[in-house]
Amino acid sequence: MIFVRDKGRLCNNILQYGHLYAWGREHGRKTMSMRFAYKYQYFHICHTRWHNFFCYAFAKYAAAWGMIPVVRFDSPDADYAAEEEQMLKRRNIVAQGWYARWYDLFLKYKTEILDLFQFDEGVKKQPNALLGEVPSDHIRLGLHIRRGDYRTFHGGIYYYSDEQYVTFIRQFLALHQQEQVSVFICGNYAEMDEKVFHEAFPDVSITFPKGNPGQDLYLLSQCDWLMGAPSTFTLVASMYRDTPLCWIASADAVISEASFDHFNNLFRHIK
């Protein structure tokens, strides 16, 4: 068994486990996500075999006491042949680190990864109610506003103000002048001024879902277009339905049709 010791937040965990799951499938090794055994209980994987607190605790303490080895993928440019050899040889092993990446294998087993991370029905209820209020002929734009740690992440380069996000929305609307657009804004709700958005777009439906991370992720996954600062949250949301995604790379970015890309390319370019 390869016990995947995840790091970071929700969508980092999904991507990291997805890579190790794909590697395991290719080499006939079972994998278990330690994070989804007890946290982020929004998905099908959380109810599958081995994903329980007992298995999590066993792997955690067995690794801490030196009973099972740990391989680490902590450097972006390292040669991990030795780590892969260990994962093949050892009956039980813990694998950790953000740079466990096998892009082609991930895409090969992408359908299975998506099946594991299908949302529980209870997670869908509140978002589906909001989505159901949108007329069927409207385009659904999902905007993710990342604040919090982005104040200092890479020197705050992706920390945009509400007014800057208004500009990005306005540019998107200009691309769809002949269509009706409904906007769903997810993110750090306590750090948003909803009034700024409603006053900027009095004739546009602007919704702040205010869900938990699982609900927000599901809602964004059901939108037709996605925008936001570079983040794994929008990236994973785009994965479910191959939704066009614009990663807003700077405060003075100009949104155009060319600004949008798809998961299968974008996921190769995360840091």
C-alpha atoms as a PDB file:
ATOM      1  CA  MET A   1       0.000   0.000   0.000  1.00  0.00           C
ATOM      2  CA  ILE A   2       1.207   3.491  -0.834  1.00  0.00           C
ATOM      3  CA  PHE A   3      -0.078   5.857   1.839  1.00  0.00           C
ATOM      4  CA  VAL A   4      -0.188   9.329   0.314  1.00  0.00           C
ATOM      5  CA  ARG A   5       0.583  11.971   2.901  1.00  0.00           C
ATOM      6  CA  ASP A   6      -0.945  15.103   1.445  1.00  0.00           C
ATOM      7  CA  LYS A   7       0.103  18.700   1.978  1.00  0.00           C
ATOM      8  CA  GLY A   8      -1.594  22.020   1.393  1.00  0.00           C
ATOM      9  CA  ARG A   9      -5.279  22.684   0.961  1.00  0.00           C
ATOM     10  CA  LEU A  10      -8.170  20.818  -0.600  1.00  0.00           C
ATOM     11  CA  CYS A  11      -7.362  21.028  -4.306  1.00  0.00           C
ATOM     12  CA  ASN A  12      -3.623  20.628  -3.830  1.00  0.00           C
ATOM     13  CA  ASN A  13      -4.516  17.367  -2.094  1.00  0.00           C
ATOM     14  CA  ILE A  14      -6.723  16.221  -4.974  1.00  0.00           C
ATOM     15  CA  LEU A  15      -4.018  16.837  -7.567  1.00  0.00           C
ATOM     16  CA  GLN A  16      -1.217  15.326  -5.508  1.00  0.00           C
ATOM     17  CA  TYR A  17      -3.210  12.187  -4.785  1.00  0.00           C
ATOM     18  CA  GLY A  18      -4.347  11.994  -8.405  1.00  0.00           C
ATOM     19  CA  HIS A  19      -0.744  11.765  -9.603  1.00  0.00           C
ATOM     20  CA  LEU A  20       0.177   9.073  -7.087  1.00  0.00           C
ATOM     21  CA  TYR A  21      -3.054   7.181  -7.745  1.00  0.00           C
ATOM     22  CA  ALA A  22      -2.251   7.172 -11.473  1.00  0.00           C
ATOM     23  CA  TRP A  23       1.309   5.975 -10.818  1.00  0.00           C
ATOM     24  CA  GLY A  24      -0.032   3.231  -8.565  1.00  0.00           C
ATOM     25  CA  ARG A  25      -2.603   2.092 -11.131  1.00  0.00           C
ATOM     26  CA  GLU A  26       0.072   1.903 -13.808  1.00  0.00           C
ATOM     27  CA  HIS A  27       2.328  -0.229 -11.599  1.00  0.00           C
ATOM     28  CA  GLY A  28      -0.266  -2.395  -9.876  1.00  0.00           C
ATOM     29  CA  ARG A  29       0.049  -0.696  -6.479  1.00  0.00           C
ATOM     30  CA  LYS A  30      -2.853   0.265  -4.227  1.00  0.00           C
ATOM     31  CA  THR A  31      -2.949   3.812  -2.864  1.00  0.00           C
ATOM     32  CA  MET A  32      -4.712   5.499   0.016  1.00  0.00           C
ATOM     33  CA  SER A  33      -4.988   9.243   0.689  1.00  0.00           C
ATOM     34  CA  MET A  34      -4.300  10.033   4.320  1.00  0.00           C
ATOM     35  CA  ARG A  35      -5.953  13.451   4.009  1.00  0.00           C
ATOM     36  CA  PHE A  36      -9.223  12.189   2.524  1.00  0.00           C
ATOM     37  CA  ALA A  37      -9.411   9.469   5.169  1.00  0.00           C
ATOM     38  CA  TYR A  38     -10.475  12.045   7.741  1.00  0.00           C
ATOM     39  CA  LYS A  39     -10.672  15.541   6.222  1.00  0.00           C
ATOM     40  CA  TYR A  40     -12.615  17.193   3.389  1.00  0.00           C
ATOM     41  CA  GLN A  41     -15.427  14.676   3.602  1.00  0.00           C
ATOM     42  CA  TYR A  42     -17.111  15.811   0.394  1.00  0.00           C
ATOM     43  CA  PHE A  43     -16.255  13.040  -2.061  1.00  0.00           C
ATOM     44  CA  HIS A  44     -16.836   9.423  -3.014  1.00  0.00           C
ATOM     45  CA  ILE A  45     -13.228   8.538  -2.179  1.00  0.00           C
ATOM     46  CA  CYS A  46     -13.894   9.309   1.489  1.00  0.00           C
ATOM     47  CA  HIS A  47     -16.256   6.315   1.648  1.00  0.00           C
ATOM     48  CA  THR A  48     -14.023   3.794  -0.101  1.00  0.00           C
ATOM     49  CA  ARG A  49     -11.970   0.999   1.434  1.00  0.00           C
ATOM     50  CA  TRP A  50      -8.988   2.070   3.560  1.00  0.00           C
ATOM     51  CA  HIS A  51     -10.173   5.681   3.714  1.00  0.00           C
ATOM     52  CA  ASN A  52     -10.920   5.779   7.417  1.00  0.00           C
ATOM     53  CA  PHE A  53      -9.330   7.216  10.533  1.00  0.00           C
ATOM     54  CA  PHE A  54      -7.842   3.874  11.590  1.00  0.00           C
ATOM     55  CA  CYS A  55      -5.792   3.542   8.376  1.00  0.00           C
ATOM     56  CA  TYR A  56      -4.795   7.186   8.614  1.00  0.00           C
ATOM     57  CA  ALA A  57      -3.563   6.760  12.188  1.00  0.00           C
ATOM     58  CA  PHE A  58      -1.724   3.526  11.347  1.00  0.00           C
ATOM     59  CA  ALA A  59       0.204   5.142   8.497  1.00  0.00           C
ATOM     60  CA  LYS A  60       0.919   8.334  10.434  1.00  0.00           C
ATOM     61  CA  TYR A  61       2.370   6.672  13.493  1.00  0.00           C
ATOM     62  CA  ALA A  62       4.047   3.776  11.692  1.00  0.00           C
ATOM     63  CA  ALA A  63       5.951   6.331   9.614  1.00  0.00           C
ATOM     64  CA  ALA A  64       6.750   8.455  12.676  1.00  0.00           C
ATOM     65  CA  TRP A  65       8.113   5.425  14.557  1.00  0.00           C
ATOM     66  CA  GLY A  66      10.174   4.222  11.584  1.00  0.00           C
ATOM     67  CA  MET A  67       8.076   1.089  11.029  1.00  0.00           C
ATOM     68  CA  ILE A  68       7.423   1.940   7.378  1.00  0.00           C
ATOM     69  CA  PRO A  69       9.641   4.079   5.125  1.00  0.00           C
ATOM     70  CA  VAL A  70       8.814   7.506   3.691  1.00  0.00           C
ATOM     71  CA  VAL A  71       9.696   8.779   0.225  1.00  0.00           C
ATOM     72  CA  ARG A  72       9.601  12.505  -0.420  1.00  0.00           C
ATOM     73  CA  PHE A  73       8.956  14.455  -3.598  1.00  0.00           C
ATOM     74  CA  ASP A  74       9.957  17.905  -2.400  1.00  0.00           C
ATOM     75  CA  SER A  75      12.045  19.347  -5.243  1.00  0.00           C
ATOM     76  CA  PRO A  76      10.775  20.364  -8.696  1.00  0.00           C
ATOM     77  CA  ASP A  77      13.892  19.259 -10.583  1.00  0.00           C
ATOM     78  CA  ALA A  78      15.021  16.126  -8.769  1.00  0.00           C
ATOM     79  CA  ASP A  79      15.460  12.667 -10.288  1.00  0.00           C
ATOM     80  CA  TYR A  80      12.992  10.449  -8.445  1.00  0.00           C
ATOM     81  CA  ALA A  81      13.985   7.076  -9.907  1.00  0.00           C
ATOM     82  CA  ALA A  82      15.138   5.847  -6.487  1.00  0.00           C
ATOM     83  CA  GLU A  83      11.865   6.901  -4.862  1.00  0.00           C
ATOM     84  CA  GLU A  84       9.865   5.111  -7.531  1.00  0.00           C
ATOM     85  CA  GLU A  85      11.959   1.998  -7.011  1.00  0.00           C
ATOM     86  CA  GLN A  86      11.163   2.120  -3.301  1.00  0.00           C
ATOM     87  CA  MET A  87       7.436   2.422  -4.048  1.00  0.00           C
ATOM     88  CA  LEU A  88       7.683  -0.682  -6.221  1.00  0.00           C
ATOM     89  CA  LYS A  89       9.608  -2.754  -3.675  1.00  0.00           C
ATOM     90  CA  ARG A  90       8.056  -1.913  -0.326  1.00  0.00           C
ATOM     91  CA  ARG A  91       4.891  -3.593   0.831  1.00  0.00           C
ATOM     92  CA  ASN A  92       3.864  -0.440   2.730  1.00  0.00           C
ATOM     93  CA  ILE A  93       5.301   3.011   2.206  1.00  0.00           C
ATOM     94  CA  VAL A  94       4.351   6.640   2.780  1.00  0.00           C
ATOM     95  CA  ALA A  95       4.750   9.021  -0.168  1.00  0.00           C
ATOM     96  CA  GLN A  96       4.641  12.762   0.328  1.00  0.00           C
ATOM     97  CA  GLY A  97       5.527  15.995  -1.441  1.00  0.00           C
ATOM     98  CA  TRP A  98       4.069  18.415  -3.970  1.00  0.00           C
ATOM     99  CA  TYR A  99       6.353  17.315  -6.809  1.00  0.00           C
ATOM    100  CA  ALA A 100       5.090  13.766  -7.210  1.00  0.00           C
ATOM    101  CA  ARG A 101       3.966  14.300 -10.790  1.00  0.00           C
ATOM    102  CA  TRP A 102       3.302  12.012 -13.725  1.00  0.00           C
ATOM    103  CA  TYR A 103       1.262  14.130 -16.117  1.00  0.00           C
ATOM    104  CA  ASP A 104       0.700  11.548 -18.837  1.00  0.00           C
ATOM    105  CA  LEU A 105      -0.360   8.896 -16.322  1.00  0.00           C
ATOM    106  CA  PHE A 106      -2.705  11.380 -14.662  1.00  0.00           C
ATOM    107  CA  LEU A 107      -4.443  11.949 -17.991  1.00  0.00           C
ATOM    108  CA  LYS A 108      -4.501   8.210 -18.713  1.00  0.00           C
ATOM    109  CA  TYR A 109      -6.417   7.568 -15.484  1.00  0.00           C
ATOM    110  CA  LYS A 110      -8.214  10.896 -15.322  1.00  0.00           C
ATOM    111  CA  THR A 111     -11.674   9.317 -15.619  1.00  0.00           C
ATOM    112  CA  GLU A 112     -10.986   7.105 -12.608  1.00  0.00           C
ATOM    113  CA  ILE A 113      -9.621  10.058 -10.631  1.00  0.00           C
ATOM    114  CA  LEU A 114     -12.766  12.026 -11.415  1.00  0.00           C
ATOM    115  CA  ASP A 115     -14.898   9.080 -10.289  1.00  0.00           C
ATOM    116  CA  LEU A 116     -13.069   9.014  -6.950  1.00  0.00           C
ATOM    117  CA  PHE A 117     -13.669  12.727  -6.488  1.00  0.00           C
ATOM    118  CA  GLN A 118     -17.318  12.829  -7.465  1.00  0.00           C
ATOM    119  CA  PHE A 119     -19.219  14.960  -4.970  1.00  0.00           C
ATOM    120  CA  ASP A 120     -21.539  13.496  -2.363  1.00  0.00           C
ATOM    121  CA  GLU A 121     -25.192  14.289  -2.947  1.00  0.00           C
ATOM    122  CA  GLY A 122     -25.382  16.319   0.248  1.00  0.00           C
ATOM    123  CA  VAL A 123     -22.650  18.631  -1.029  1.00  0.00           C
ATOM    124  CA  LYS A 124     -24.591  19.343  -4.227  1.00  0.00           C
ATOM    125  CA  LYS A 125     -27.888  20.356  -2.627  1.00  0.00           C
ATOM    126  CA  GLN A 126     -27.217  24.020  -1.776  1.00  0.00           C
ATOM    127  CA  PRO A 127     -25.249  24.819  -4.970  1.00  0.00           C
ATOM    128  CA  ASN A 128     -27.849  23.122  -7.164  1.00  0.00           C
ATOM    129  CA  ALA A 129     -30.557  25.277  -5.611  1.00  0.00           C
ATOM    130  CA  LEU A 130     -28.598  28.411  -6.562  1.00  0.00           C
ATOM    131  CA  LEU A 131     -27.780  27.129 -10.026  1.00  0.00           C
ATOM    132  CA  GLY A 132     -31.442  26.255 -10.558  1.00  0.00           C
ATOM    133  CA  GLU A 133     -32.367  29.927 -10.187  1.00  0.00           C
ATOM    134  CA  VAL A 134     -30.406  30.809 -13.321  1.00  0.00           C
ATOM    135  CA  PRO A 135     -32.416  30.869 -16.560  1.00  0.00           C
ATOM    136  CA  SER A 136     -31.385  28.084 -18.918  1.00  0.00           C
ATOM    137  CA  ASP A 137     -30.262  30.531 -21.599  1.00  0.00           C
ATOM    138  CA  HIS A 138     -27.787  32.322 -19.305  1.00  0.00           C
ATOM    139  CA  ILE A 139     -24.045  31.758 -19.362  1.00  0.00           C
ATOM    140  CA  ARG A 140     -22.738  30.892 -15.895  1.00  0.00           C
ATOM    141  CA  LEU A 141     -19.437  32.585 -15.079  1.00  0.00           C
ATOM    142  CA  GLY A 142     -17.655  31.293 -11.991  1.00  0.00           C
ATOM    143  CA  LEU A 143     -15.176  33.716 -10.424  1.00  0.00           C
ATOM    144  CA  HIS A 144     -12.862  32.626  -7.634  1.00  0.00           C
ATOM    145  CA  ILE A 145     -11.421  35.434  -5.494  1.00  0.00           C
ATOM    146  CA  ARG A 146      -8.369  34.187  -3.620  1.00  0.00           C
ATOM    147  CA  ARG A 147      -7.297  36.345  -0.720  1.00  0.00           C
ATOM    148  CA  GLY A 148      -5.912  35.179   2.628  1.00  0.00           C
ATOM    149  CA  ASP A 149      -2.459  33.743   1.956  1.00  0.00           C
ATOM    150  CA  TYR A 150      -2.353  35.447  -1.449  1.00  0.00           C
ATOM    151  CA  ARG A 151      -1.577  38.710   0.318  1.00  0.00           C
ATOM    152  CA  THR A 152       2.037  37.494   0.562  1.00  0.00           C
ATOM    153  CA  PHE A 153       2.160  34.574  -1.925  1.00  0.00           C
ATOM    154  CA  HIS A 154       4.783  35.431  -4.587  1.00  0.00           C
ATOM    155  CA  GLY A 155       4.972  38.918  -3.130  1.00  0.00           C
ATOM    156  CA  GLY A 156       1.215  39.479  -3.427  1.00  0.00           C
ATOM    157  CA  ILE A 157       1.300  39.514  -7.236  1.00  0.00           C
ATOM    158  CA  TYR A 158      -2.107  37.769  -7.436  1.00  0.00           C
ATOM    159  CA  TYR A 159      -3.772  39.700  -4.622  1.00  0.00           C
ATOM    160  CA  TYR A 160      -6.369  41.732  -6.542  1.00  0.00           C
ATOM    161  CA  SER A 161      -8.851  44.253  -5.167  1.00  0.00           C
ATOM    162  CA  ASP A 162     -12.615  44.009  -5.576  1.00  0.00           C
ATOM    163  CA  GLU A 163     -12.421  46.887  -8.057  1.00  0.00           C
ATOM    164  CA  GLN A 164      -9.875  45.004 -10.149  1.00  0.00           C
ATOM    165  CA  TYR A 165     -12.131  41.953 -10.206  1.00  0.00           C
ATOM    166  CA  VAL A 166     -14.962  44.219 -11.354  1.00  0.00           C
ATOM    167  CA  THR A 167     -12.771  45.185 -14.305  1.00  0.00           C
ATOM    168  CA  PHE A 168     -12.125  41.535 -15.146  1.00  0.00           C
ATOM    169  CA  ILE A 169     -15.843  40.756 -15.052  1.00  0.00           C
ATOM    170  CA  ARG A 170     -16.575  43.763 -17.253  1.00  0.00           C
ATOM    171  CA  GLN A 171     -14.047  42.530 -19.804  1.00  0.00           C
ATOM    172  CA  PHE A 172     -15.654  39.085 -19.802  1.00  0.00           C
ATOM    173  CA  LEU A 173     -19.100  40.596 -20.319  1.00  0.00           C
ATOM    174  CA  ALA A 174     -17.745  42.548 -23.293  1.00  0.00           C
ATOM    175  CA  LEU A 175     -16.839  39.214 -24.905  1.00  0.00           C
ATOM    176  CA  HIS A 176     -20.440  38.026 -24.512  1.00  0.00           C
ATOM    177  CA  GLN A 177     -22.463  41.112 -25.371  1.00  0.00           C
ATOM    178  CA  GLN A 178     -25.085  39.088 -27.235  1.00  0.00           C
ATOM    179  CA  GLU A 179     -25.673  36.730 -24.294  1.00  0.00           C
ATOM    180  CA  GLN A 180     -27.057  36.908 -20.775  1.00  0.00           C
ATOM    181  CA  VAL A 181     -24.495  36.174 -18.070  1.00  0.00           C
ATOM    182  CA  SER A 182     -24.997  35.154 -14.448  1.00  0.00           C
ATOM    183  CA  VAL A 183     -21.959  35.483 -12.192  1.00  0.00           C
ATOM    184  CA  PHE A 184     -21.135  33.294  -9.185  1.00  0.00           C
ATOM    185  CA  ILE A 185     -18.358  34.641  -6.953  1.00  0.00           C
ATOM    186  CA  CYS A 186     -16.642  32.249  -4.542  1.00  0.00           C
ATOM    187  CA  GLY A 187     -13.629  32.696  -2.295  1.00  0.00           C
ATOM    188  CA  ASN A 188     -12.694  34.444   0.920  1.00  0.00           C
ATOM    189  CA  TYR A 189     -16.127  35.927   1.554  1.00  0.00           C
ATOM    190  CA  ALA A 190     -15.146  37.900   4.654  1.00  0.00           C
ATOM    191  CA  GLU A 191     -12.667  39.860   2.540  1.00  0.00           C
ATOM    192  CA  MET A 192     -15.137  40.814  -0.214  1.00  0.00           C
ATOM    193  CA  ASP A 193     -17.387  43.855  -0.425  1.00  0.00           C
ATOM    194  CA  GLU A 194     -20.493  42.514  -2.154  1.00  0.00           C
ATOM    195  CA  LYS A 195     -21.816  46.046  -2.598  1.00  0.00           C
ATOM    196  CA  VAL A 196     -18.942  46.879  -4.963  1.00  0.00           C
ATOM    197  CA  PHE A 197     -20.040  44.151  -7.367  1.00  0.00           C
ATOM    198  CA  HIS A 198     -23.779  44.780  -7.160  1.00  0.00           C
ATOM    199  CA  GLU A 199     -23.315  48.509  -7.764  1.00  0.00           C
ATOM    200  CA  ALA A 200     -20.966  47.884 -10.700  1.00  0.00           C
ATOM    201  CA  PHE A 201     -23.410  45.487 -12.385  1.00  0.00           C
ATOM    202  CA  PRO A 202     -26.976  46.464 -11.419  1.00  0.00           C
ATOM    203  CA  ASP A 203     -28.432  44.551 -14.377  1.00  0.00           C
ATOM    204  CA  VAL A 204     -26.393  41.379 -13.946  1.00  0.00           C
ATOM    205  CA  SER A 205     -27.225  38.515 -11.601  1.00  0.00           C
ATOM    206  CA  ILE A 206     -24.344  38.379  -9.084  1.00  0.00           C
ATOM    207  CA  THR A 207     -24.455  35.549  -6.522  1.00  0.00           C
ATOM    208  CA  PHE A 208     -22.157  34.920  -3.561  1.00  0.00           C
ATOM    209  CA  PRO A 209     -22.857  31.255  -2.719  1.00  0.00           C
ATOM    210  CA  LYS A 210     -21.099  31.338   0.688  1.00  0.00           C
ATOM    211  CA  GLY A 211     -20.713  27.580   0.810  1.00  0.00           C
ATOM    212  CA  ASN A 212     -18.066  25.417   2.404  1.00  0.00           C
ATOM    213  CA  PRO A 213     -15.039  24.506   0.240  1.00  0.00           C
ATOM    214  CA  GLY A 214     -16.728  21.408  -1.159  1.00  0.00           C
ATOM    215  CA  GLN A 215     -19.899  23.280  -2.067  1.00  0.00           C
ATOM    216  CA  ASP A 216     -17.979  26.125  -3.693  1.00  0.00           C
ATOM    217  CA  LEU A 217     -15.823  23.708  -5.665  1.00  0.00           C
ATOM    218  CA  TYR A 218     -18.876  21.842  -6.908  1.00  0.00           C
ATOM    219  CA  LEU A 219     -20.662  25.047  -7.884  1.00  0.00           C
ATOM    220  CA  LEU A 220     -17.660  26.319  -9.842  1.00  0.00           C
ATOM    221  CA  SER A 221     -17.368  22.936 -11.551  1.00  0.00           C
ATOM    222  CA  GLN A 222     -20.896  23.428 -12.908  1.00  0.00           C
ATOM    223  CA  CYS A 223     -20.210  26.862 -14.430  1.00  0.00           C
ATOM    224  CA  ASP A 224     -19.646  27.372 -18.157  1.00  0.00           C
ATOM    225  CA  TRP A 225     -16.594  29.623 -17.803  1.00  0.00           C
ATOM    226  CA  LEU A 226     -14.135  30.112 -14.948  1.00  0.00           C
ATOM    227  CA  MET A 227     -11.829  32.969 -13.957  1.00  0.00           C
ATOM    228  CA  GLY A 228      -9.552  33.655 -11.025  1.00  0.00           C
ATOM    229  CA  ALA A 229      -6.008  34.224  -9.882  1.00  0.00           C
ATOM    230  CA  PRO A 230      -3.754  31.218 -10.605  1.00  0.00           C
ATOM    231  CA  SER A 231      -4.929  28.616  -8.108  1.00  0.00           C
ATOM    232  CA  THR A 232      -5.492  24.885  -7.912  1.00  0.00           C
ATOM    233  CA  PHE A 233      -9.058  25.598  -6.775  1.00  0.00           C
ATOM    234  CA  THR A 234     -10.208  26.856 -10.177  1.00  0.00           C
ATOM    235  CA  LEU A 235      -7.942  24.322 -11.867  1.00  0.00           C
ATOM    236  CA  VAL A 236      -9.656  21.361 -10.198  1.00  0.00           C
ATOM    237  CA  ALA A 237     -13.078  22.935 -10.789  1.00  0.00           C
ATOM    238  CA  SER A 238     -12.257  23.072 -14.499  1.00  0.00           C
ATOM    239  CA  MET A 239     -11.229  19.399 -14.527  1.00  0.00           C
ATOM    240  CA  TYR A 240     -14.723  18.002 -13.987  1.00  0.00           C
ATOM    241  CA  ARG A 241     -16.318  19.258 -17.211  1.00  0.00           C
ATOM    242  CA  ASP A 242     -13.287  20.525 -19.147  1.00  0.00           C
ATOM    243  CA  THR A 243     -14.484  24.056 -18.466  1.00  0.00           C
ATOM    244  CA  PRO A 244     -12.556  26.934 -20.089  1.00  0.00           C
ATOM    245  CA  LEU A 245     -10.467  28.635 -17.405  1.00  0.00           C
ATOM    246  CA  CYS A 246      -8.744  32.009 -17.352  1.00  0.00           C
ATOM    247  CA  TRP A 247      -5.940  32.324 -14.842  1.00  0.00           C
ATOM    248  CA  ILE A 248      -5.603  36.079 -14.324  1.00  0.00           C
ATOM    249  CA  ALA A 249      -1.835  36.528 -14.314  1.00  0.00           C
ATOM    250  CA  SER A 250      -1.582  40.208 -13.358  1.00  0.00           C
ATOM    251  CA  ALA A 251      -3.636  43.129 -12.096  1.00  0.00           C
ATOM    252  CA  ASP A 252      -3.515  44.799 -15.503  1.00  0.00           C
ATOM    253  CA  ALA A 253      -4.447  41.671 -17.477  1.00  0.00           C
ATOM    254  CA  VAL A 254      -6.885  42.121 -20.350  1.00  0.00           C
ATOM    255  CA  ILE A 255      -9.384  39.272 -20.624  1.00  0.00           C
ATOM    256  CA  SER A 256      -9.858  37.960 -24.162  1.00  0.00           C
ATOM    257  CA  GLU A 257     -10.944  34.676 -25.710  1.00  0.00           C
ATOM    258  CA  ALA A 258      -7.263  33.713 -25.893  1.00  0.00           C
ATOM    259  CA  SER A 259      -7.023  34.085 -22.109  1.00  0.00           C
ATOM    260  CA  PHE A 260      -8.922  30.819 -21.580  1.00  0.00           C
ATOM    261  CA  ASP A 261      -7.368  27.373 -21.578  1.00  0.00           C
ATOM    262  CA  HIS A 262      -8.271  23.866 -20.409  1.00  0.00           C
ATOM    263  CA  PHE A 263      -7.216  21.606 -17.562  1.00  0.00           C
ATOM    264  CA  ASN A 264      -5.169  19.149 -19.622  1.00  0.00           C
ATOM    265  CA  ASN A 265      -2.732  21.919 -20.496  1.00  0.00           C
ATOM    266  CA  LEU A 266      -2.944  24.163 -17.441  1.00  0.00           C
ATOM    267  CA  PHE A 267      -2.247  21.432 -14.896  1.00  0.00           C
ATOM    268  CA  ARG A 268       1.211  20.970 -16.426  1.00  0.00           C
ATOM    269  CA  HIS A 269       2.116  24.541 -15.489  1.00  0.00           C
ATOM    270  CA  ILE A 270       1.353  24.796 -11.785  1.00  0.00           C
ATOM    271  CA  LYS A 271       4.283  25.663  -9.535  1.00  0.00           C
END
